[in-house]
């Protein structure tokens, strides 16, 4: 689901959920940028019915719906909709419904780990 590799030149290749053109952080290019916590909008997640989870999230995530395990590696995914391209928990405003657990994979956007 999130397979990436970084070349010697720093280019990232592969497919990563939510990301169309990931790039490594660079002190020159990204100088002066910062990070702040936000509660939304998460419009980018509205078209994804499956979101990766970590084991630490299971207890909260299962309150909103099933967790499934896919592939040979049994990757845990939160089911957030029954239809492809539909997340039933993301409102038209880009916010999640009140009380819905927002997976860490969504909260950490725009950051993602890559090898």
PDB file of N, CA and C in Angstrom:
ATOM      1  N   UNK A   1       0.822  -1.193   0.000  1.00  0.00           N
ATOM      2  CA  UNK A   1       0.000   0.000   0.000  1.00  0.00           C
ATOM      3  C   UNK A   1       0.859   1.247   0.000  1.00  0.00           C
ATOM      4  N   UNK A   2       1.958   1.231   0.762  1.00  0.00           N
ATOM      5  CA  UNK A   2       2.830   2.398   0.785  1.00  0.00           C
ATOM      6  C   UNK A   2       4.254   1.935   0.544  1.00  0.00           C
ATOM      7  N   UNK A   3       4.577   1.661  -0.691  1.00  0.00           N
ATOM      8  CA  UNK A   3       5.895   1.193  -1.031  1.00  0.00           C
ATOM      9  C   UNK A   3       6.666   2.310  -1.706  1.00  0.00           C
ATOM     10  N   UNK A   4       7.760   2.711  -1.072  1.00  0.00           N
ATOM     11  CA  UNK A   4       8.565   3.792  -1.626  1.00  0.00           C
ATOM     12  C   UNK A   4      10.033   3.460  -1.512  1.00  0.00           C
ATOM     13  N   UNK A   5      10.829   4.044  -2.376  1.00  0.00           N
ATOM     14  CA  UNK A   5      12.269   3.949  -2.289  1.00  0.00           C
ATOM     15  C   UNK A   5      12.854   5.301  -2.668  1.00  0.00           C
ATOM     16  N   UNK A   6      14.001   5.605  -2.112  1.00  0.00           N
ATOM     17  CA  UNK A   6      14.680   6.858  -2.436  1.00  0.00           C
ATOM     18  C   UNK A   6      15.970   6.531  -3.164  1.00  0.00           C
ATOM     19  N   UNK A   7      16.224   7.205  -4.267  1.00  0.00           N
ATOM     20  CA  UNK A   7      17.444   6.972  -5.038  1.00  0.00           C
ATOM     21  C   UNK A   7      18.591   7.770  -4.437  1.00  0.00           C
ATOM     22  N   UNK A   8      19.783   7.558  -4.985  1.00  0.00           N
ATOM     23  CA  UNK A   8      20.960   8.284  -4.514  1.00  0.00           C
ATOM     24  C   UNK A   8      20.820   9.784  -4.728  1.00  0.00           C
ATOM     25  N   UNK A   9      20.008  10.190  -5.699  1.00  0.00           N
ATOM     26  CA  UNK A   9      19.828  11.621  -5.967  1.00  0.00           C
ATOM     27  C   UNK A   9      18.748  12.245  -5.089  1.00  0.00           C
ATOM     28  N   UNK A  10      18.089  11.411  -4.245  1.00  0.00           N
ATOM     29  CA  UNK A  10      17.062  11.946  -3.359  1.00  0.00           C
ATOM     30  C   UNK A  10      15.670  11.883  -3.949  1.00  0.00           C
ATOM     31  N   UNK A  11      15.520  11.352  -5.171  1.00  0.00           N
ATOM     32  CA  UNK A  11      14.209  11.215  -5.771  1.00  0.00           C
ATOM     33  C   UNK A  11      13.497  10.013  -5.155  1.00  0.00           C
ATOM     34  N   UNK A  12      12.220  10.171  -4.864  1.00  0.00           N
ATOM     35  CA  UNK A  12      11.434   9.085  -4.295  1.00  0.00           C
ATOM     36  C   UNK A  12      10.586   8.478  -5.398  1.00  0.00           C
ATOM     37  N   UNK A  13      10.569   7.156  -5.441  1.00  0.00           N
ATOM     38  CA  UNK A  13       9.738   6.480  -6.434  1.00  0.00           C
ATOM     39  C   UNK A  13       8.843   5.484  -5.723  1.00  0.00           C
ATOM     40  N   UNK A  14       7.747   5.115  -6.367  1.00  0.00           N
ATOM     41  CA  UNK A  14       6.803   4.169  -5.787  1.00  0.00           C
ATOM     42  C   UNK A  14       5.461   4.832  -5.570  1.00  0.00           C
ATOM     43  N   UNK A  15       4.549   4.089  -4.972  1.00  0.00           N
ATOM     44  CA  UNK A  15       3.211   4.589  -4.705  1.00  0.00           C
ATOM     45  C   UNK A  15       3.011   4.780  -3.209  1.00  0.00           C
ATOM     46  N   UNK A  16       2.472   5.929  -2.843  1.00  0.00           N
ATOM     47  CA  UNK A  16       2.203   6.222  -1.444  1.00  0.00           C
ATOM     48  C   UNK A  16       0.804   6.830  -1.363  1.00  0.00           C
ATOM     49  N   UNK A  17      -0.047   6.253  -0.539  1.00  0.00           N
ATOM     50  CA  UNK A  17      -1.408   6.736  -0.360  1.00  0.00           C
ATOM     51  C   UNK A  17      -1.417   8.220  -0.003  1.00  0.00           C
ATOM     52  N   UNK A  18      -2.241   9.014  -0.657  1.00  0.00           N
ATOM     53  CA  UNK A  18      -2.439  10.459  -0.492  1.00  0.00           C
ATOM     54  C   UNK A  18      -1.406  11.320  -1.219  1.00  0.00           C
ATOM     55  N   UNK A  19      -0.290  10.765  -1.656  1.00  0.00           N
ATOM     56  CA  UNK A  19       0.800  11.574  -2.185  1.00  0.00           C
ATOM     57  C   UNK A  19       0.965  11.359  -3.674  1.00  0.00           C
ATOM     58  N   UNK A  20       1.008  12.453  -4.449  1.00  0.00           N
ATOM     59  CA  UNK A  20       1.224  12.326  -5.890  1.00  0.00           C
ATOM     60  C   UNK A  20       2.682  12.552  -6.265  1.00  0.00           C
ATOM     61  N   UNK A  21       3.403  13.371  -5.497  1.00  0.00           N
ATOM     62  CA  UNK A  21       4.794  13.670  -5.815  1.00  0.00           C
ATOM     63  C   UNK A  21       5.599  13.907  -4.534  1.00  0.00           C
ATOM     64  N   UNK A  22       5.839  12.846  -3.735  1.00  0.00           N
ATOM     65  CA  UNK A  22       6.593  13.043  -2.489  1.00  0.00           C
ATOM     66  C   UNK A  22       8.042  13.427  -2.773  1.00  0.00           C
ATOM     67  N   UNK A  23       8.623  14.200  -1.880  1.00  0.00           N
ATOM     68  CA  UNK A  23      10.024  14.580  -2.013  1.00  0.00           C
ATOM     69  C   UNK A  23      10.666  14.611  -0.635  1.00  0.00           C
ATOM     70  N   UNK A  24      11.946  14.276  -0.566  1.00  0.00           N
ATOM     71  CA  UNK A  24      12.643  14.296   0.724  1.00  0.00           C
ATOM     72  C   UNK A  24      12.762  15.721   1.270  1.00  0.00           C
ATOM     73  N   UNK A  25      12.747  15.845   2.585  1.00  0.00           N
ATOM     74  CA  UNK A  25      12.980  17.155   3.195  1.00  0.00           C
ATOM     75  C   UNK A  25      14.398  17.599   2.881  1.00  0.00           C
ATOM     76  N   UNK A  26      14.550  18.868   2.599  1.00  0.00           N
ATOM     77  CA  UNK A  26      15.839  19.421   2.241  1.00  0.00           C
ATOM     78  C   UNK A  26      16.003  20.739   2.983  1.00  0.00           C
ATOM     79  N   UNK A  27      17.084  20.892   3.769  1.00  0.00           N
ATOM     80  CA  UNK A  27      17.260  22.118   4.551  1.00  0.00           C
ATOM     81  C   UNK A  27      17.319  23.387   3.705  1.00  0.00           C
ATOM     82  N   UNK A  28      17.775  23.306   2.479  1.00  0.00           N
ATOM     83  CA  UNK A  28      17.836  24.478   1.612  1.00  0.00           C
ATOM     84  C   UNK A  28      16.468  24.793   1.023  1.00  0.00           C
ATOM     85  N   UNK A  29      15.849  23.794   0.425  1.00  0.00           N
ATOM     86  CA  UNK A  29      14.557  23.982  -0.241  1.00  0.00           C
ATOM     87  C   UNK A  29      13.444  24.332   0.737  1.00  0.00           C
ATOM     88  N   UNK A  30      13.449  23.694   1.906  1.00  0.00           N
ATOM     89  CA  UNK A  30      12.342  23.838   2.849  1.00  0.00           C
ATOM     90  C   UNK A  30      12.665  24.767   4.024  1.00  0.00           C
ATOM     91  N   UNK A  31      13.753  25.530   3.895  1.00  0.00           N
ATOM     92  CA  UNK A  31      14.149  26.475   4.938  1.00  0.00           C
ATOM     93  C   UNK A  31      13.016  27.476   5.192  1.00  0.00           C
ATOM     94  N   UNK A  32      12.723  27.717   6.444  1.00  0.00           N
ATOM     95  CA  UNK A  32      11.705  28.699   6.791  1.00  0.00           C
ATOM     96  C   UNK A  32      10.299  28.130   6.895  1.00  0.00           C
ATOM     97  N   UNK A  33      10.125  26.879   6.494  1.00  0.00           N
ATOM     98  CA  UNK A  33       8.802  26.267   6.607  1.00  0.00           C
ATOM     99  C   UNK A  33       8.638  25.704   8.014  1.00  0.00           C
ATOM    100  N   UNK A  34       7.422  25.548   8.434  1.00  0.00           N
ATOM    101  CA  UNK A  34       7.147  25.017   9.763  1.00  0.00           C
ATOM    102  C   UNK A  34       5.979  24.055   9.739  1.00  0.00           C
ATOM    103  N   UNK A  35       5.674  23.546  10.906  1.00  0.00           N
ATOM    104  CA  UNK A  35       4.587  22.586  11.055  1.00  0.00           C
ATOM    105  C   UNK A  35       3.718  23.039  12.211  1.00  0.00           C
ATOM    106  N   UNK A  36       2.406  22.934  12.025  1.00  0.00           N
ATOM    107  CA  UNK A  36       1.506  23.207  13.125  1.00  0.00           C
ATOM    108  C   UNK A  36       0.391  22.169  13.116  1.00  0.00           C
ATOM    109  N   UNK A  37      -0.135  21.876  14.268  1.00  0.00           N
ATOM    110  CA  UNK A  37      -1.215  20.892  14.388  1.00  0.00           C
ATOM    111  C   UNK A  37      -2.521  21.533  13.924  1.00  0.00           C
ATOM    112  N   UNK A  38      -3.272  20.783  13.123  1.00  0.00           N
ATOM    113  CA  UNK A  38      -4.573  21.268  12.670  1.00  0.00           C
ATOM    114  C   UNK A  38      -5.612  20.161  12.843  1.00  0.00           C
ATOM    115  N   UNK A  39      -6.856  20.529  12.967  1.00  0.00           N
ATOM    116  CA  UNK A  39      -7.944  19.570  13.067  1.00  0.00           C
ATOM    117  C   UNK A  39      -8.593  19.315  11.706  1.00  0.00           C
ATOM    118  N   UNK A  40      -8.048  19.864  10.670  1.00  0.00           N
ATOM    119  CA  UNK A  40      -8.576  19.674   9.318  1.00  0.00           C
ATOM    120  C   UNK A  40      -8.231  20.893   8.506  1.00  0.00           C
ATOM    121  N   UNK A  41      -8.562  20.963   7.283  1.00  0.00           N
ATOM    122  CA  UNK A  41      -9.372  19.975   6.573  1.00  0.00           C
ATOM    123  C   UNK A  41      -8.542  18.793   6.092  1.00  0.00           C
ATOM    124  N   UNK A  42      -9.200  17.674   5.987  1.00  0.00           N
ATOM    125  CA  UNK A  42      -8.585  16.440   5.518  1.00  0.00           C
ATOM    126  C   UNK A  42      -9.261  15.992   4.230  1.00  0.00           C
ATOM    127  N   UNK A  43      -9.548  16.928   3.353  1.00  0.00           N
ATOM    128  CA  UNK A  43     -10.231  16.619   2.092  1.00  0.00           C
ATOM    129  C   UNK A  43      -9.504  15.563   1.279  1.00  0.00           C
ATOM    130  N   UNK A  44      -8.176  15.519   1.388  1.00  0.00           N
ATOM    131  CA  UNK A  44      -7.388  14.539   0.647  1.00  0.00           C
ATOM    132  C   UNK A  44      -7.754  13.105   1.026  1.00  0.00           C
ATOM    133  N   UNK A  45      -8.329  12.890   2.215  1.00  0.00           N
ATOM    134  CA  UNK A  45      -8.700  11.547   2.671  1.00  0.00           C
ATOM    135  C   UNK A  45     -10.117  11.155   2.248  1.00  0.00           C
ATOM    136  N   UNK A  46     -10.872  12.079   1.692  1.00  0.00           N
ATOM    137  CA  UNK A  46     -12.274  11.824   1.351  1.00  0.00           C
ATOM    138  C   UNK A  46     -12.448  10.766   0.270  1.00  0.00           C
ATOM    139  N   UNK A  47     -11.448  10.542  -0.535  1.00  0.00           N
ATOM    140  CA  UNK A  47     -11.540   9.579  -1.634  1.00  0.00           C
ATOM    141  C   UNK A  47     -10.875   8.242  -1.313  1.00  0.00           C
ATOM    142  N   UNK A  48     -10.619   7.978  -0.033  1.00  0.00           N
ATOM    143  CA  UNK A  48      -9.931   6.742   0.346  1.00  0.00           C
ATOM    144  C   UNK A  48     -10.736   6.004   1.411  1.00  0.00           C
ATOM    145  N   UNK A  49     -11.170   4.801   1.076  1.00  0.00           N
ATOM    146  CA  UNK A  49     -11.983   4.029   2.011  1.00  0.00           C
ATOM    147  C   UNK A  49     -11.165   3.101   2.894  1.00  0.00           C
ATOM    148  N   UNK A  50      -9.878   2.997   2.654  1.00  0.00           N
ATOM    149  CA  UNK A  50      -8.982   2.188   3.473  1.00  0.00           C
ATOM    150  C   UNK A  50      -7.769   3.024   3.862  1.00  0.00           C
ATOM    151  N   UNK A  51      -7.454   3.051   5.159  1.00  0.00           N
ATOM    152  CA  UNK A  51      -6.324   3.849   5.640  1.00  0.00           C
ATOM    153  C   UNK A  51      -5.452   2.978   6.544  1.00  0.00           C
ATOM    154  N   UNK A  52      -4.118   2.977   6.340  1.00  0.00           N
ATOM    155  CA  UNK A  52      -3.219   2.167   7.170  1.00  0.00           C
ATOM    156  C   UNK A  52      -3.278   2.557   8.647  1.00  0.00           C
ATOM    157  N   UNK A  53      -3.086   1.554   9.494  1.00  0.00           N
ATOM    158  CA  UNK A  53      -3.067   1.749  10.947  1.00  0.00           C
ATOM    159  C   UNK A  53      -1.808   1.143  11.542  1.00  0.00           C
ATOM    160  N   UNK A  54      -1.491   1.569  12.756  1.00  0.00           N
ATOM    161  CA  UNK A  54      -0.475   0.892  13.552  1.00  0.00           C
ATOM    162  C   UNK A  54      -1.201   0.124  14.653  1.00  0.00           C
ATOM    163  N   UNK A  55      -0.524  -0.841  15.236  1.00  0.00           N
ATOM    164  CA  UNK A  55      -1.130  -1.654  16.290  1.00  0.00           C
ATOM    165  C   UNK A  55      -1.607  -0.780  17.447  1.00  0.00           C
ATOM    166  N   UNK A  56      -0.875   0.264  17.774  1.00  0.00           N
ATOM    167  CA  UNK A  56      -1.247   1.144  18.886  1.00  0.00           C
ATOM    168  C   UNK A  56      -2.585   1.834  18.665  1.00  0.00           C
ATOM    169  N   UNK A  57      -3.047   1.923  17.428  1.00  0.00           N
ATOM    170  CA  UNK A  57      -4.303   2.602  17.107  1.00  0.00           C
ATOM    171  C   UNK A  57      -5.520   1.675  17.145  1.00  0.00           C
ATOM    172  N   UNK A  58      -5.319   0.386  17.206  1.00  0.00           N
ATOM    173  CA  UNK A  58      -6.424  -0.563  17.094  1.00  0.00           C
ATOM    174  C   UNK A  58      -7.563  -0.276  18.073  1.00  0.00           C
ATOM    175  N   UNK A  59      -7.234  -0.023  19.324  1.00  0.00           N
ATOM    176  CA  UNK A  59      -8.254   0.154  20.367  1.00  0.00           C
ATOM    177  C   UNK A  59      -9.212   1.302  20.041  1.00  0.00           C
ATOM    178  N   UNK A  60      -8.702   2.408  19.536  1.00  0.00           N
ATOM    179  CA  UNK A  60      -9.561   3.544  19.188  1.00  0.00           C
ATOM    180  C   UNK A  60     -10.202   3.374  17.813  1.00  0.00           C
ATOM    181  N   UNK A  61      -9.461   2.855  16.859  1.00  0.00           N
ATOM    182  CA  UNK A  61      -9.952   2.739  15.489  1.00  0.00           C
ATOM    183  C   UNK A  61     -11.122   1.769  15.381  1.00  0.00           C
ATOM    184  N   UNK A  62     -11.094   0.698  16.135  1.00  0.00           N
ATOM    185  CA  UNK A  62     -12.143  -0.324  16.025  1.00  0.00           C
ATOM    186  C   UNK A  62     -13.496   0.209  16.506  1.00  0.00           C
ATOM    187  N   UNK A  63     -13.519   1.299  17.231  1.00  0.00           N
ATOM    188  CA  UNK A  63     -14.781   1.902  17.667  1.00  0.00           C
ATOM    189  C   UNK A  63     -15.557   2.500  16.494  1.00  0.00           C
ATOM    190  N   UNK A  64     -14.854   2.814  15.393  1.00  0.00           N
ATOM    191  CA  UNK A  64     -15.499   3.408  14.221  1.00  0.00           C
ATOM    192  C   UNK A  64     -15.797   2.414  13.111  1.00  0.00           C
ATOM    193  N   UNK A  65     -15.215   1.258  13.157  1.00  0.00           N
ATOM    194  CA  UNK A  65     -15.454   0.277  12.112  1.00  0.00           C
ATOM    195  C   UNK A  65     -14.405  -0.809  12.119  1.00  0.00           C
ATOM    196  N   UNK A  66     -14.536  -1.736  11.172  1.00  0.00           N
ATOM    197  CA  UNK A  66     -13.629  -2.885  11.157  1.00  0.00           C
ATOM    198  C   UNK A  66     -12.208  -2.535  10.741  1.00  0.00           C
ATOM    199  N   UNK A  67     -11.304  -3.365  11.207  1.00  0.00           N
ATOM    200  CA  UNK A  67      -9.909  -3.328  10.790  1.00  0.00           C
ATOM    201  C   UNK A  67      -9.687  -4.603   9.994  1.00  0.00           C
ATOM    202  N   UNK A  68      -9.120  -4.464   8.806  1.00  0.00           N
ATOM    203  CA  UNK A  68      -8.828  -5.641   7.998  1.00  0.00           C
ATOM    204  C   UNK A  68      -7.324  -5.754   7.802  1.00  0.00           C
ATOM    205  N   UNK A  69      -6.872  -6.943   7.438  1.00  0.00           N
ATOM    206  CA  UNK A  69      -5.451  -7.207   7.229  1.00  0.00           C
ATOM    207  C   UNK A  69      -5.281  -7.717   5.803  1.00  0.00           C
ATOM    208  N   UNK A  70      -4.485  -7.026   4.996  1.00  0.00           N
ATOM    209  CA  UNK A  70      -4.375  -7.358   3.580  1.00  0.00           C
ATOM    210  C   UNK A  70      -2.938  -7.669   3.174  1.00  0.00           C
ATOM    211  N   UNK A  71      -2.813  -8.441   2.102  1.00  0.00           N
ATOM    212  CA  UNK A  71      -1.521  -8.758   1.523  1.00  0.00           C
ATOM    213  C   UNK A  71      -0.752  -9.798   2.300  1.00  0.00           C
ATOM    214  N   UNK A  72       0.382 -10.166   1.740  1.00  0.00           N
ATOM    215  CA  UNK A  72       1.252 -11.154   2.387  1.00  0.00           C
ATOM    216  C   UNK A  72       1.768 -10.661   3.729  1.00  0.00           C
ATOM    217  N   UNK A  73       1.927  -9.348   3.842  1.00  0.00           N
ATOM    218  CA  UNK A  73       2.448  -8.771   5.081  1.00  0.00           C
ATOM    219  C   UNK A  73       1.359  -8.514   6.116  1.00  0.00           C
ATOM    220  N   UNK A  74       0.101  -8.791   5.751  1.00  0.00           N
ATOM    221  CA  UNK A  74      -1.047  -8.592   6.654  1.00  0.00           C
ATOM    222  C   UNK A  74      -1.076  -7.159   7.188  1.00  0.00           C
ATOM    223  N   UNK A  75      -1.009  -6.188   6.275  1.00  0.00           N
ATOM    224  CA  UNK A  75      -1.034  -4.773   6.629  1.00  0.00           C
ATOM    225  C   UNK A  75      -2.395  -4.410   7.204  1.00  0.00           C
ATOM    226  N   UNK A  76      -2.437  -3.842   8.431  1.00  0.00           N
ATOM    227  CA  UNK A  76      -3.726  -3.449   9.013  1.00  0.00           C
ATOM    228  C   UNK A  76      -4.262  -2.169   8.380  1.00  0.00           C
ATOM    229  N   UNK A  77      -5.540  -2.208   7.998  1.00  0.00           N
ATOM    230  CA  UNK A  77      -6.200  -1.060   7.383  1.00  0.00           C
ATOM    231  C   UNK A  77      -7.520  -0.785   8.079  1.00  0.00           C
ATOM    232  N   UNK A  78      -7.803   0.479   8.340  1.00  0.00           N
ATOM    233  CA  UNK A  78      -9.099   0.905   8.873  1.00  0.00           C
ATOM    234  C   UNK A  78     -10.066   1.021   7.706  1.00  0.00           C
ATOM    235  N   UNK A  79     -11.206   0.353   7.797  1.00  0.00           N
ATOM    236  CA  UNK A  79     -12.235   0.467   6.771  1.00  0.00           C
ATOM    237  C   UNK A  79     -13.026   1.738   7.065  1.00  0.00           C
ATOM    238  N   UNK A  80     -12.992   2.683   6.128  1.00  0.00           N
ATOM    239  CA  UNK A  80     -13.649   3.972   6.312  1.00  0.00           C
ATOM    240  C   UNK A  80     -14.743   4.213   5.273  1.00  0.00           C
ATOM    241  N   UNK A  81     -15.095   3.171   4.572  1.00  0.00           N
ATOM    242  CA  UNK A  81     -16.157   3.238   3.580  1.00  0.00           C
ATOM    243  C   UNK A  81     -16.271   1.907   2.872  1.00  0.00           C
ATOM    244  N   UNK A  82     -17.440   1.622   2.315  1.00  0.00           N
ATOM    245  CA  UNK A  82     -17.658   0.353   1.632  1.00  0.00           C
ATOM    246  C   UNK A  82     -17.387   0.430   0.145  1.00  0.00           C
ATOM    247  N   UNK A  83     -17.373   1.626  -0.397  1.00  0.00           N
ATOM    248  CA  UNK A  83     -17.145   1.815  -1.824  1.00  0.00           C
ATOM    249  C   UNK A  83     -15.791   2.458  -2.082  1.00  0.00           C
ATOM    250  N   UNK A  84     -15.178   2.047  -3.196  1.00  0.00           N
ATOM    251  CA  UNK A  84     -13.912   2.647  -3.618  1.00  0.00           C
ATOM    252  C   UNK A  84     -14.115   4.155  -3.801  1.00  0.00           C
ATOM    253  N   UNK A  85     -13.153   4.952  -3.426  1.00  0.00           N
ATOM    254  CA  UNK A  85     -13.216   6.420  -3.552  1.00  0.00           C
ATOM    255  C   UNK A  85     -14.273   7.051  -2.664  1.00  0.00           C
ATOM    256  N   UNK A  86     -14.581   6.438  -1.521  1.00  0.00           N
ATOM    257  CA  UNK A  86     -15.580   7.011  -0.618  1.00  0.00           C
ATOM    258  C   UNK A  86     -15.177   6.782   0.842  1.00  0.00           C
ATOM    259  N   UNK A  87     -14.957   7.863   1.548  1.00  0.00           N
ATOM    260  CA  UNK A  87     -14.701   7.819   2.982  1.00  0.00           C
ATOM    261  C   UNK A  87     -15.938   8.410   3.649  1.00  0.00           C
ATOM    262  N   UNK A  88     -16.731   7.583   4.293  1.00  0.00           N
ATOM    263  CA  UNK A  88     -18.008   8.041   4.844  1.00  0.00           C
ATOM    264  C   UNK A  88     -17.853   8.944   6.062  1.00  0.00           C
ATOM    265  N   UNK A  89     -16.640   9.047   6.596  1.00  0.00           N
ATOM    266  CA  UNK A  89     -16.419   9.847   7.794  1.00  0.00           C
ATOM    267  C   UNK A  89     -15.954  11.270   7.513  1.00  0.00           C
ATOM    268  N   UNK A  90     -15.541  11.566   6.277  1.00  0.00           N
ATOM    269  CA  UNK A  90     -15.073  12.909   5.937  1.00  0.00           C
ATOM    270  C   UNK A  90     -16.249  13.716   5.395  1.00  0.00           C
ATOM    271  N   UNK A  91     -16.526  14.833   6.041  1.00  0.00           N
ATOM    272  CA  UNK A  91     -17.624  15.714   5.647  1.00  0.00           C
ATOM    273  C   UNK A  91     -17.233  16.549   4.423  1.00  0.00           C
ATOM    274  N   UNK A  92     -18.191  17.155   3.743  1.00  0.00           N
ATOM    275  CA  UNK A  92     -17.860  18.022   2.594  1.00  0.00           C
ATOM    276  C   UNK A  92     -16.907  19.167   2.949  1.00  0.00           C
ATOM    277  N   UNK A  93     -16.855  19.558   4.218  1.00  0.00           N
ATOM    278  CA  UNK A  93     -15.947  20.619   4.665  1.00  0.00           C
ATOM    279  C   UNK A  93     -14.504  20.145   4.772  1.00  0.00           C
ATOM    280  N   UNK A  94     -14.273  18.817   4.653  1.00  0.00           N
ATOM    281  CA  UNK A  94     -12.933  18.263   4.795  1.00  0.00           C
ATOM    282  C   UNK A  94     -12.621  17.840   6.211  1.00  0.00           C
ATOM    283  N   UNK A  95     -13.545  18.047   7.130  1.00  0.00           N
ATOM    284  CA  UNK A  95     -13.364  17.622   8.521  1.00  0.00           C
ATOM    285  C   UNK A  95     -13.953  16.231   8.701  1.00  0.00           C
ATOM    286  N   UNK A  96     -13.450  15.506   9.701  1.00  0.00           N
ATOM    287  CA  UNK A  96     -14.029  14.219  10.050  1.00  0.00           C
ATOM    288  C   UNK A  96     -15.252  14.447  10.930  1.00  0.00           C
ATOM    289  N   UNK A  97     -16.218  13.537  10.855  1.00  0.00           N
ATOM    290  CA  UNK A  97     -17.374  13.588  11.748  1.00  0.00           C
ATOM    291  C   UNK A  97     -16.889  13.678  13.192  1.00  0.00           C
ATOM    292  N   UNK A  98     -17.618  14.387  14.034  1.00  0.00           N
ATOM    293  CA  UNK A  98     -17.257  14.521  15.452  1.00  0.00           C
ATOM    294  C   UNK A  98     -17.192  13.145  16.095  1.00  0.00           C
ATOM    295  N   UNK A  99     -16.160  12.909  16.865  1.00  0.00           N
ATOM    296  CA  UNK A  99     -16.010  11.663  17.594  1.00  0.00           C
ATOM    297  C   UNK A  99     -15.382  10.528  16.816  1.00  0.00           C
ATOM    298  N   UNK A 100     -15.128  10.729  15.528  1.00  0.00           N
ATOM    299  CA  UNK A 100     -14.510   9.690  14.704  1.00  0.00           C
ATOM    300  C   UNK A 100     -13.003   9.723  14.901  1.00  0.00           C
ATOM    301  N   UNK A 101     -12.410   8.544  15.099  1.00  0.00           N
ATOM    302  CA  UNK A 101     -10.956   8.464  15.246  1.00  0.00           C
ATOM    303  C   UNK A 101     -10.291   8.752  13.897  1.00  0.00           C
ATOM    304  N   UNK A 102      -9.355   9.685  13.890  1.00  0.00           N
ATOM    305  CA  UNK A 102      -8.605  10.032  12.683  1.00  0.00           C
ATOM    306  C   UNK A 102      -7.259   9.302  12.755  1.00  0.00           C
ATOM    307  N   UNK A 103      -7.033   8.326  11.871  1.00  0.00           N
ATOM    308  CA  UNK A 103      -5.783   7.563  11.919  1.00  0.00           C
ATOM    309  C   UNK A 103      -4.542   8.444  11.811  1.00  0.00           C
ATOM    310  N   UNK A 104      -3.471   8.009  12.452  1.00  0.00           N
ATOM    311  CA  UNK A 104      -2.216   8.756  12.441  1.00  0.00           C
ATOM    312  C   UNK A 104      -1.705   8.986  11.022  1.00  0.00           C
ATOM    313  N   UNK A 105      -1.961   8.033  10.123  1.00  0.00           N
ATOM    314  CA  UNK A 105      -1.521   8.181   8.741  1.00  0.00           C
ATOM    315  C   UNK A 105      -2.137   9.431   8.106  1.00  0.00           C
ATOM    316  N   UNK A 106      -3.357   9.756   8.488  1.00  0.00           N
ATOM    317  CA  UNK A 106      -4.032  10.962   7.993  1.00  0.00           C
ATOM    318  C   UNK A 106      -3.507  12.184   8.737  1.00  0.00           C
ATOM    319  N   UNK A 107      -3.361  12.085  10.052  1.00  0.00           N
ATOM    320  CA  UNK A 107      -2.936  13.232  10.866  1.00  0.00           C
ATOM    321  C   UNK A 107      -1.531  13.705  10.538  1.00  0.00           C
ATOM    322  N   UNK A 108      -0.658  12.815  10.140  1.00  0.00           N
ATOM    323  CA  UNK A 108       0.742  13.205   9.895  1.00  0.00           C
ATOM    324  C   UNK A 108       0.969  13.851   8.540  1.00  0.00           C
ATOM    325  N   UNK A 109      -0.046  13.805   7.669  1.00  0.00           N
ATOM    326  CA  UNK A 109       0.077  14.404   6.346  1.00  0.00           C
ATOM    327  C   UNK A 109       0.521  15.862   6.493  1.00  0.00           C
ATOM    328  N   UNK A 110       1.491  16.364   5.785  1.00  0.00           N
ATOM    329  CA  UNK A 110       2.047  15.890   4.538  1.00  0.00           C
ATOM    330  C   UNK A 110       3.323  15.069   4.676  1.00  0.00           C
ATOM    331  N   UNK A 111       3.596  14.517   5.844  1.00  0.00           N
ATOM    332  CA  UNK A 111       4.826  13.755   6.040  1.00  0.00           C
ATOM    333  C   UNK A 111       4.572  12.267   5.895  1.00  0.00           C
ATOM    334  N   UNK A 112       5.558  11.570   5.351  1.00  0.00           N
ATOM    335  CA  UNK A 112       5.482  10.120   5.190  1.00  0.00           C
ATOM    336  C   UNK A 112       6.911   9.569   5.259  1.00  0.00           C
ATOM    337  N   UNK A 113       7.047   8.371   5.811  1.00  0.00           N
ATOM    338  CA  UNK A 113       8.360   7.729   5.865  1.00  0.00           C
ATOM    339  C   UNK A 113       8.647   7.051   4.532  1.00  0.00           C
ATOM    340  N   UNK A 114       9.891   7.119   4.080  1.00  0.00           N
ATOM    341  CA  UNK A 114      10.321   6.446   2.858  1.00  0.00           C
ATOM    342  C   UNK A 114      11.723   5.902   3.070  1.00  0.00           C
ATOM    343  N   UNK A 115      11.989   4.772   2.465  1.00  0.00           N
ATOM    344  CA  UNK A 115      13.328   4.166   2.550  1.00  0.00           C
ATOM    345  C   UNK A 115      14.221   4.744   1.480  1.00  0.00           C
TER     346      UNK A 115
END
